[in-house]
């Protein structure tokens, strides 16, 4: 960690199993909509990061019950995520920085 920090911090720990709710392709990307349980909603933010089946991705949008990621052609070519179908269960890891912040806020609120 003595150099410029770039990219997403992924630890490889699974927070929950999500379900692919929607899959849509266009000329630029493959869009996946994945379920988001309420207890993890605060840890997933637009333009933040999330890992799906171990692949770190940028969150494009978040709703009350889902989050969306777009797989660019390179990501589709070098991962297995392009094979995911609606209904498939995936391992989801939320961003570690959000977890630390949520923990700190909870500790401060308990005083």
N, C-alpha and C. Protein backbone atom coordinates (compact mmCIF):
# COMPACT_ATOMS: atom_id res chain seq x y z
N UNK A 1 0.82 -1.18 0.00
CA UNK A 1 0.00 0.00 0.00
C UNK A 1 0.87 1.26 0.00
N UNK A 2 2.08 1.17 -0.53
CA UNK A 2 2.93 2.35 -0.61
C UNK A 2 2.87 3.02 -1.98
N UNK A 3 1.89 2.62 -2.79
CA UNK A 3 1.72 3.19 -4.11
C UNK A 3 0.30 3.74 -4.24
N UNK A 4 0.03 4.36 -5.36
CA UNK A 4 -1.30 4.90 -5.65
C UNK A 4 -2.34 3.78 -5.58
N UNK A 5 -3.41 4.01 -4.85
CA UNK A 5 -4.49 3.02 -4.73
C UNK A 5 -5.48 3.25 -5.86
N UNK A 6 -5.70 2.23 -6.67
CA UNK A 6 -6.58 2.36 -7.83
C UNK A 6 -7.45 1.11 -7.90
N UNK A 7 -8.66 1.27 -8.34
CA UNK A 7 -9.55 0.12 -8.50
C UNK A 7 -10.40 -0.11 -7.26
N UNK A 8 -10.90 -1.32 -7.14
CA UNK A 8 -11.82 -1.67 -6.06
C UNK A 8 -11.12 -2.56 -5.04
N UNK A 9 -11.50 -2.41 -3.79
CA UNK A 9 -10.95 -3.27 -2.74
C UNK A 9 -11.89 -4.44 -2.54
N UNK A 10 -11.44 -5.62 -2.91
CA UNK A 10 -12.24 -6.83 -2.79
C UNK A 10 -11.47 -7.81 -1.93
N UNK A 11 -12.15 -8.38 -0.95
CA UNK A 11 -11.49 -9.31 -0.04
C UNK A 11 -11.77 -10.77 -0.36
N UNK A 12 -12.84 -11.04 -1.08
CA UNK A 12 -13.18 -12.42 -1.39
C UNK A 12 -14.13 -13.04 -0.38
N UNK A 13 -14.74 -12.22 0.45
CA UNK A 13 -15.72 -12.71 1.43
C UNK A 13 -17.12 -12.49 0.87
N UNK A 14 -17.96 -13.49 0.97
CA UNK A 14 -19.33 -13.40 0.45
C UNK A 14 -20.23 -12.82 1.53
N UNK A 15 -20.96 -11.75 1.18
CA UNK A 15 -21.92 -11.17 2.11
C UNK A 15 -23.28 -11.83 1.99
N UNK A 16 -23.69 -12.12 0.77
CA UNK A 16 -24.99 -12.78 0.57
C UNK A 16 -25.05 -13.38 -0.83
N UNK A 17 -26.02 -14.25 -1.03
CA UNK A 17 -26.29 -14.80 -2.36
C UNK A 17 -27.44 -14.01 -2.96
N UNK A 18 -27.16 -13.36 -4.07
CA UNK A 18 -28.18 -12.59 -4.77
C UNK A 18 -28.69 -13.37 -5.96
N UNK A 19 -29.76 -12.88 -6.53
CA UNK A 19 -30.35 -13.53 -7.69
C UNK A 19 -30.36 -12.56 -8.86
N UNK A 20 -29.98 -13.06 -10.04
CA UNK A 20 -30.06 -12.25 -11.25
C UNK A 20 -31.54 -12.07 -11.57
N UNK A 21 -32.00 -10.82 -11.52
CA UNK A 21 -33.42 -10.52 -11.73
C UNK A 21 -33.73 -10.14 -13.17
N UNK A 22 -32.73 -9.58 -13.84
CA UNK A 22 -32.92 -9.14 -15.22
C UNK A 22 -31.58 -9.14 -15.93
N UNK A 23 -31.63 -9.38 -17.22
CA UNK A 23 -30.43 -9.40 -18.06
C UNK A 23 -30.81 -8.72 -19.36
N UNK A 24 -30.02 -7.71 -19.76
CA UNK A 24 -30.35 -6.96 -20.97
C UNK A 24 -29.07 -6.56 -21.68
N UNK A 25 -29.01 -6.83 -22.97
CA UNK A 25 -27.84 -6.48 -23.77
C UNK A 25 -28.16 -5.30 -24.67
N UNK A 26 -27.15 -4.46 -24.88
CA UNK A 26 -27.24 -3.43 -25.91
C UNK A 26 -25.89 -3.40 -26.64
N UNK A 27 -25.69 -2.42 -27.47
CA UNK A 27 -24.47 -2.36 -28.28
C UNK A 27 -23.21 -2.14 -27.45
N UNK A 28 -23.36 -1.65 -26.20
CA UNK A 28 -22.19 -1.27 -25.41
C UNK A 28 -21.90 -2.18 -24.23
N UNK A 29 -22.93 -2.86 -23.70
CA UNK A 29 -22.71 -3.63 -22.48
C UNK A 29 -23.83 -4.64 -22.26
N UNK A 30 -23.57 -5.54 -21.33
CA UNK A 30 -24.58 -6.46 -20.83
C UNK A 30 -24.95 -5.97 -19.45
N UNK A 31 -26.20 -5.63 -19.26
CA UNK A 31 -26.69 -5.08 -17.99
C UNK A 31 -27.32 -6.20 -17.17
N UNK A 32 -26.86 -6.32 -15.91
CA UNK A 32 -27.42 -7.30 -14.98
C UNK A 32 -28.05 -6.57 -13.81
N UNK A 33 -29.28 -6.96 -13.47
CA UNK A 33 -29.98 -6.44 -12.30
C UNK A 33 -29.98 -7.56 -11.27
N UNK A 34 -29.45 -7.29 -10.08
CA UNK A 34 -29.24 -8.32 -9.06
C UNK A 34 -29.98 -7.92 -7.79
N UNK A 35 -30.60 -8.88 -7.13
CA UNK A 35 -31.36 -8.61 -5.92
C UNK A 35 -30.46 -8.05 -4.82
N UNK A 36 -31.06 -7.20 -3.98
CA UNK A 36 -30.33 -6.53 -2.91
C UNK A 36 -31.19 -6.57 -1.64
N UNK A 37 -30.83 -7.42 -0.67
CA UNK A 37 -31.59 -7.47 0.58
C UNK A 37 -31.48 -6.16 1.35
N UNK A 38 -32.51 -5.83 2.09
CA UNK A 38 -32.56 -4.54 2.79
C UNK A 38 -31.38 -4.34 3.74
N UNK A 39 -30.88 -5.39 4.37
CA UNK A 39 -29.78 -5.23 5.32
C UNK A 39 -28.46 -4.84 4.66
N UNK A 40 -28.37 -4.94 3.34
CA UNK A 40 -27.14 -4.55 2.63
C UNK A 40 -27.32 -3.28 1.81
N UNK A 41 -28.52 -2.72 1.79
CA UNK A 41 -28.83 -1.55 0.96
C UNK A 41 -27.89 -0.38 1.22
N UNK A 42 -27.55 -0.12 2.48
CA UNK A 42 -26.69 1.02 2.81
C UNK A 42 -25.25 0.81 2.35
N UNK A 43 -24.87 -0.42 2.02
CA UNK A 43 -23.48 -0.72 1.64
C UNK A 43 -23.26 -0.73 0.13
N UNK A 44 -24.33 -0.52 -0.64
CA UNK A 44 -24.23 -0.53 -2.10
C UNK A 44 -24.66 0.84 -2.61
N UNK A 45 -23.74 1.53 -3.27
CA UNK A 45 -24.02 2.88 -3.75
C UNK A 45 -23.67 3.01 -5.23
N UNK A 46 -24.41 3.87 -5.92
CA UNK A 46 -24.13 4.15 -7.32
C UNK A 46 -22.70 4.67 -7.47
N UNK A 47 -22.00 4.14 -8.44
CA UNK A 47 -20.60 4.42 -8.74
C UNK A 47 -19.64 3.85 -7.70
N UNK A 48 -20.18 3.08 -6.75
CA UNK A 48 -19.34 2.36 -5.81
C UNK A 48 -18.98 1.01 -6.41
N UNK A 49 -18.38 0.16 -5.60
CA UNK A 49 -18.00 -1.15 -6.12
C UNK A 49 -18.72 -2.26 -5.38
N UNK A 50 -18.83 -3.37 -6.08
CA UNK A 50 -19.41 -4.59 -5.55
C UNK A 50 -18.75 -5.74 -6.30
N UNK A 51 -18.58 -6.86 -5.65
CA UNK A 51 -18.04 -8.03 -6.35
C UNK A 51 -19.18 -9.02 -6.57
N UNK A 52 -19.29 -9.51 -7.79
CA UNK A 52 -20.27 -10.53 -8.16
C UNK A 52 -19.50 -11.76 -8.60
N UNK A 53 -19.70 -12.85 -7.88
CA UNK A 53 -18.94 -14.09 -8.13
C UNK A 53 -17.44 -13.82 -8.20
N UNK A 54 -16.96 -12.93 -7.34
CA UNK A 54 -15.54 -12.64 -7.24
C UNK A 54 -15.01 -11.61 -8.21
N UNK A 55 -15.86 -11.08 -9.07
CA UNK A 55 -15.45 -10.08 -10.06
C UNK A 55 -15.87 -8.70 -9.56
N UNK A 56 -14.91 -7.82 -9.39
CA UNK A 56 -15.21 -6.48 -8.92
C UNK A 56 -15.78 -5.63 -10.05
N UNK A 57 -16.93 -5.00 -9.76
CA UNK A 57 -17.64 -4.22 -10.77
C UNK A 57 -18.10 -2.90 -10.18
N UNK A 58 -18.37 -1.94 -11.05
CA UNK A 58 -18.91 -0.66 -10.63
C UNK A 58 -20.44 -0.74 -10.65
N UNK A 59 -21.05 -0.25 -9.59
CA UNK A 59 -22.51 -0.22 -9.50
C UNK A 59 -23.02 0.93 -10.36
N UNK A 60 -23.96 0.64 -11.24
CA UNK A 60 -24.52 1.64 -12.15
C UNK A 60 -25.75 2.31 -11.53
N UNK A 61 -26.57 1.53 -10.83
CA UNK A 61 -27.79 2.07 -10.23
C UNK A 61 -28.19 1.18 -9.05
N UNK A 62 -28.93 1.79 -8.12
CA UNK A 62 -29.42 1.07 -6.94
C UNK A 62 -30.89 1.43 -6.73
N UNK A 63 -31.71 0.43 -6.43
CA UNK A 63 -33.10 0.66 -6.03
C UNK A 63 -33.28 0.12 -4.62
N UNK A 64 -34.50 0.10 -4.15
CA UNK A 64 -34.79 -0.44 -2.83
C UNK A 64 -34.47 -1.93 -2.74
N UNK A 65 -34.57 -2.65 -3.85
CA UNK A 65 -34.44 -4.11 -3.81
C UNK A 65 -33.43 -4.69 -4.79
N UNK A 66 -32.77 -3.84 -5.59
CA UNK A 66 -31.82 -4.35 -6.59
C UNK A 66 -30.65 -3.38 -6.78
N UNK A 67 -29.60 -3.90 -7.40
CA UNK A 67 -28.53 -3.04 -7.92
C UNK A 67 -28.22 -3.51 -9.33
N UNK A 68 -27.63 -2.61 -10.10
CA UNK A 68 -27.35 -2.89 -11.50
C UNK A 68 -25.87 -2.71 -11.80
N UNK A 69 -25.33 -3.63 -12.58
CA UNK A 69 -23.97 -3.53 -13.07
C UNK A 69 -24.00 -3.71 -14.58
N UNK A 70 -23.06 -3.07 -15.26
CA UNK A 70 -22.92 -3.23 -16.71
C UNK A 70 -21.60 -3.93 -16.98
N UNK A 71 -21.64 -4.95 -17.79
CA UNK A 71 -20.43 -5.66 -18.19
C UNK A 71 -20.01 -5.18 -19.57
N UNK A 72 -18.88 -4.48 -19.62
CA UNK A 72 -18.36 -4.04 -20.91
C UNK A 72 -17.83 -5.26 -21.67
N UNK A 73 -17.60 -5.14 -22.96
CA UNK A 73 -17.14 -6.29 -23.74
C UNK A 73 -15.92 -6.99 -23.14
N UNK A 74 -14.95 -6.24 -22.61
CA UNK A 74 -13.77 -6.87 -22.02
C UNK A 74 -14.16 -7.75 -20.83
N UNK A 75 -15.02 -7.24 -19.95
CA UNK A 75 -15.47 -8.04 -18.79
C UNK A 75 -16.23 -9.27 -19.23
N UNK A 76 -17.01 -9.14 -20.27
CA UNK A 76 -17.75 -10.30 -20.80
C UNK A 76 -16.79 -11.36 -21.34
N UNK A 77 -15.69 -10.90 -21.94
CA UNK A 77 -14.74 -11.83 -22.57
C UNK A 77 -13.86 -12.55 -21.56
N UNK A 78 -13.51 -11.89 -20.44
CA UNK A 78 -12.53 -12.47 -19.53
C UNK A 78 -13.13 -13.03 -18.24
N UNK A 79 -14.46 -12.99 -18.11
CA UNK A 79 -15.12 -13.59 -16.94
C UNK A 79 -16.24 -14.51 -17.40
N UNK A 80 -16.83 -15.22 -16.47
CA UNK A 80 -17.98 -16.08 -16.80
C UNK A 80 -19.31 -15.37 -16.57
N UNK A 81 -19.27 -14.09 -16.19
CA UNK A 81 -20.50 -13.38 -15.85
C UNK A 81 -21.45 -13.22 -17.03
N UNK A 82 -20.94 -13.21 -18.24
CA UNK A 82 -21.81 -13.06 -19.41
C UNK A 82 -22.72 -14.27 -19.60
N UNK A 83 -22.42 -15.36 -18.94
CA UNK A 83 -23.24 -16.58 -19.05
C UNK A 83 -24.38 -16.61 -18.03
N UNK A 84 -24.40 -15.65 -17.12
CA UNK A 84 -25.45 -15.65 -16.10
C UNK A 84 -26.82 -15.44 -16.73
N UNK A 85 -27.79 -16.17 -16.21
CA UNK A 85 -29.16 -16.08 -16.71
C UNK A 85 -30.08 -15.59 -15.59
N UNK A 86 -31.27 -15.08 -15.96
CA UNK A 86 -32.26 -14.67 -14.97
C UNK A 86 -32.58 -15.86 -14.08
N UNK A 87 -32.56 -15.61 -12.77
CA UNK A 87 -32.83 -16.66 -11.80
C UNK A 87 -31.59 -17.29 -11.19
N UNK A 88 -30.43 -17.08 -11.83
CA UNK A 88 -29.18 -17.63 -11.33
C UNK A 88 -28.80 -16.96 -10.02
N UNK A 89 -28.31 -17.75 -9.06
CA UNK A 89 -27.81 -17.20 -7.80
C UNK A 89 -26.33 -16.86 -7.97
N UNK A 90 -25.94 -15.71 -7.41
CA UNK A 90 -24.55 -15.24 -7.49
C UNK A 90 -24.08 -14.86 -6.10
N UNK A 91 -22.79 -14.96 -5.88
CA UNK A 91 -22.19 -14.51 -4.62
C UNK A 91 -21.91 -13.02 -4.72
N UNK A 92 -22.33 -12.28 -3.71
CA UNK A 92 -22.16 -10.82 -3.71
C UNK A 92 -21.33 -10.40 -2.50
N UNK A 93 -20.33 -9.57 -2.77
CA UNK A 93 -19.53 -8.96 -1.72
C UNK A 93 -19.67 -7.45 -1.84
N UNK A 94 -20.10 -6.81 -0.75
CA UNK A 94 -20.22 -5.36 -0.75
C UNK A 94 -18.87 -4.73 -0.44
N UNK A 95 -18.78 -3.44 -0.64
CA UNK A 95 -17.52 -2.72 -0.48
C UNK A 95 -17.05 -2.67 0.98
N UNK A 96 -15.82 -2.98 1.23
CA UNK A 96 -15.26 -3.03 2.59
C UNK A 96 -15.24 -1.65 3.23
N UNK A 97 -15.02 -0.60 2.46
CA UNK A 97 -14.99 0.74 3.05
C UNK A 97 -16.36 1.11 3.61
N UNK A 98 -17.42 0.73 2.92
CA UNK A 98 -18.77 0.97 3.43
C UNK A 98 -19.02 0.20 4.71
N UNK A 99 -18.48 -1.00 4.81
CA UNK A 99 -18.65 -1.81 6.03
C UNK A 99 -17.96 -1.15 7.22
N UNK A 100 -16.76 -0.64 6.99
CA UNK A 100 -16.05 0.04 8.08
C UNK A 100 -16.77 1.30 8.51
N UNK A 101 -17.27 2.06 7.55
CA UNK A 101 -18.00 3.28 7.88
C UNK A 101 -19.29 2.96 8.65
N UNK A 102 -20.02 1.96 8.21
CA UNK A 102 -21.25 1.58 8.90
C UNK A 102 -20.95 1.13 10.32
N UNK A 103 -19.89 0.40 10.50
CA UNK A 103 -19.50 -0.05 11.84
C UNK A 103 -19.12 1.12 12.74
N UNK A 104 -18.36 2.07 12.21
CA UNK A 104 -17.95 3.23 12.99
C UNK A 104 -19.16 4.06 13.40
N UNK A 105 -20.08 4.27 12.46
CA UNK A 105 -21.29 5.03 12.78
C UNK A 105 -22.13 4.33 13.84
N UNK A 106 -22.21 3.01 13.76
CA UNK A 106 -22.96 2.25 14.77
C UNK A 106 -22.32 2.38 16.13
N UNK A 107 -20.99 2.33 16.18
CA UNK A 107 -20.28 2.47 17.46
C UNK A 107 -20.47 3.87 18.04
N UNK A 108 -20.39 4.88 17.20
CA UNK A 108 -20.58 6.25 17.67
C UNK A 108 -22.00 6.48 18.14
N UNK A 109 -22.96 5.84 17.50
CA UNK A 109 -24.36 5.99 17.89
C UNK A 109 -24.71 5.27 19.17
N UNK A 110 -23.88 4.32 19.58
CA UNK A 110 -24.16 3.56 20.80
C UNK A 110 -23.64 4.24 22.04
N UNK A 111 -22.96 5.38 21.89
CA UNK A 111 -22.40 6.09 23.06
C UNK A 111 -23.35 7.11 23.58
